[in-house]
Amino acid sequence: MSLLRGNTLQEKNNEGHVEGFIGFVLCFGFLSILGSIGTWAMIKKDGNPEQSAYAERFGIFVGLWAPTFFILSNRLKSYAAESKL
């Protein structure tokens, strides 16, 4: 009966791993925002126009990772909720 409901020991163990991974991915999203700002500020210190343009492009590139991590954490959260049903 427990096999039909999805309450096996292996599935409970997988749920814990998924929930732990959700927090990990969410932290990566916030770290990419901070990394984007930090990268932009560190590279832009030189004052060279080429270096400044590179800093802006690279900061935007790193900042674009944040939505990816947030979407991934949301999808994993919905996957974990579905697996509990």
Protein backbone atom coordinates (compact mmCIF):
# COMPACT_ATOMS: atom_id res chain seq x y z
CA MET A 1 0.00 0.00 0.00
CA SER A 2 2.81 2.43 0.78
CA LEU A 3 4.30 1.84 -2.67
CA LEU A 4 1.11 3.15 -4.27
CA ARG A 5 1.20 6.36 -2.24
CA GLY A 6 4.88 7.07 -2.90
CA ASN A 7 6.00 6.86 0.72
CA THR A 8 8.97 4.59 0.23
CA LEU A 9 12.18 5.29 2.10
CA GLN A 10 14.02 6.12 -1.13
CA GLU A 11 11.43 8.72 -2.17
CA LYS A 12 11.50 10.38 1.26
CA ASN A 13 15.28 10.56 1.03
CA ASN A 14 15.04 12.16 -2.44
CA GLU A 15 12.56 14.77 -1.15
CA GLY A 16 15.08 15.88 1.47
CA HIS A 17 17.79 16.23 -1.15
CA VAL A 18 15.53 18.26 -3.43
CA GLU A 19 14.47 20.59 -0.61
CA GLY A 20 18.11 21.12 0.38
CA PHE A 21 19.04 21.81 -3.22
CA ILE A 22 16.26 24.42 -3.50
CA GLY A 23 17.92 26.55 -0.81
CA PHE A 24 21.29 26.08 -2.44
CA VAL A 25 20.02 27.26 -5.84
CA LEU A 26 18.16 30.19 -4.26
CA CYS A 27 21.36 31.32 -2.53
CA PHE A 28 23.17 31.15 -5.88
CA GLY A 29 20.55 33.54 -7.28
CA PHE A 30 21.22 36.13 -4.59
CA LEU A 31 24.97 35.60 -4.85
CA SER A 32 24.86 36.22 -8.59
CA ILE A 33 23.19 39.60 -7.95
CA LEU A 34 25.87 40.52 -5.44
CA GLY A 35 28.57 39.12 -7.72
CA SER A 36 27.27 41.20 -10.59
CA ILE A 37 27.46 44.41 -8.58
CA GLY A 38 30.83 43.46 -7.11
CA THR A 39 32.31 42.54 -10.47
CA TRP A 40 31.09 45.77 -12.01
CA ALA A 41 32.51 47.85 -9.16
CA MET A 42 35.89 46.06 -9.07
CA ILE A 43 36.57 46.22 -12.80
CA LYS A 44 35.25 49.76 -13.26
CA LYS A 45 37.79 51.26 -10.80
CA ASP A 46 40.36 51.79 -13.53
CA GLY A 47 38.47 54.62 -15.28
CA ASN A 48 39.51 53.42 -18.75
CA PRO A 49 36.47 53.64 -21.13
CA GLU A 50 37.17 50.21 -22.63
CA GLN A 51 37.55 48.71 -19.18
CA SER A 52 34.36 50.44 -18.05
CA ALA A 53 32.41 49.01 -21.01
CA TYR A 54 33.79 45.54 -20.27
CA ALA A 55 32.79 45.91 -16.61
CA GLU A 56 29.23 46.78 -17.56
CA ARG A 57 28.90 43.88 -20.01
CA PHE A 58 30.42 41.35 -17.63
CA GLY A 59 28.30 42.62 -14.73
CA ILE A 60 25.16 42.23 -16.83
CA PHE A 61 26.26 38.74 -17.88
CA VAL A 62 26.71 37.62 -14.28
CA GLY A 63 23.47 39.35 -13.27
CA LEU A 64 21.53 37.39 -15.87
CA TRP A 65 22.23 34.20 -13.95
CA ALA A 66 19.97 35.31 -11.08
CA PRO A 67 16.63 34.79 -12.88
CA THR A 68 17.82 31.40 -14.05
CA PHE A 69 18.57 30.30 -10.50
CA PHE A 70 15.30 31.74 -9.18
CA ILE A 71 13.27 29.95 -11.87
CA LEU A 72 15.16 26.72 -11.22
CA SER A 73 14.48 26.92 -7.49
CA ASN A 74 10.80 27.57 -8.18
CA ARG A 75 10.59 24.56 -10.49
CA LEU A 76 12.34 22.36 -7.94
CA LYS A 77 9.95 23.59 -5.25
CA SER A 78 6.94 22.65 -7.38
CA TYR A 79 8.55 19.29 -8.14
CA ALA A 80 9.01 18.65 -4.42
CA ALA A 81 5.40 19.63 -3.73
CA GLU A 82 4.14 17.28 -6.46
CA SER A 83 6.22 14.39 -5.18
CA LYS A 84 4.69 14.77 -1.71
CA LEU A 85 1.19 14.19 -3.08
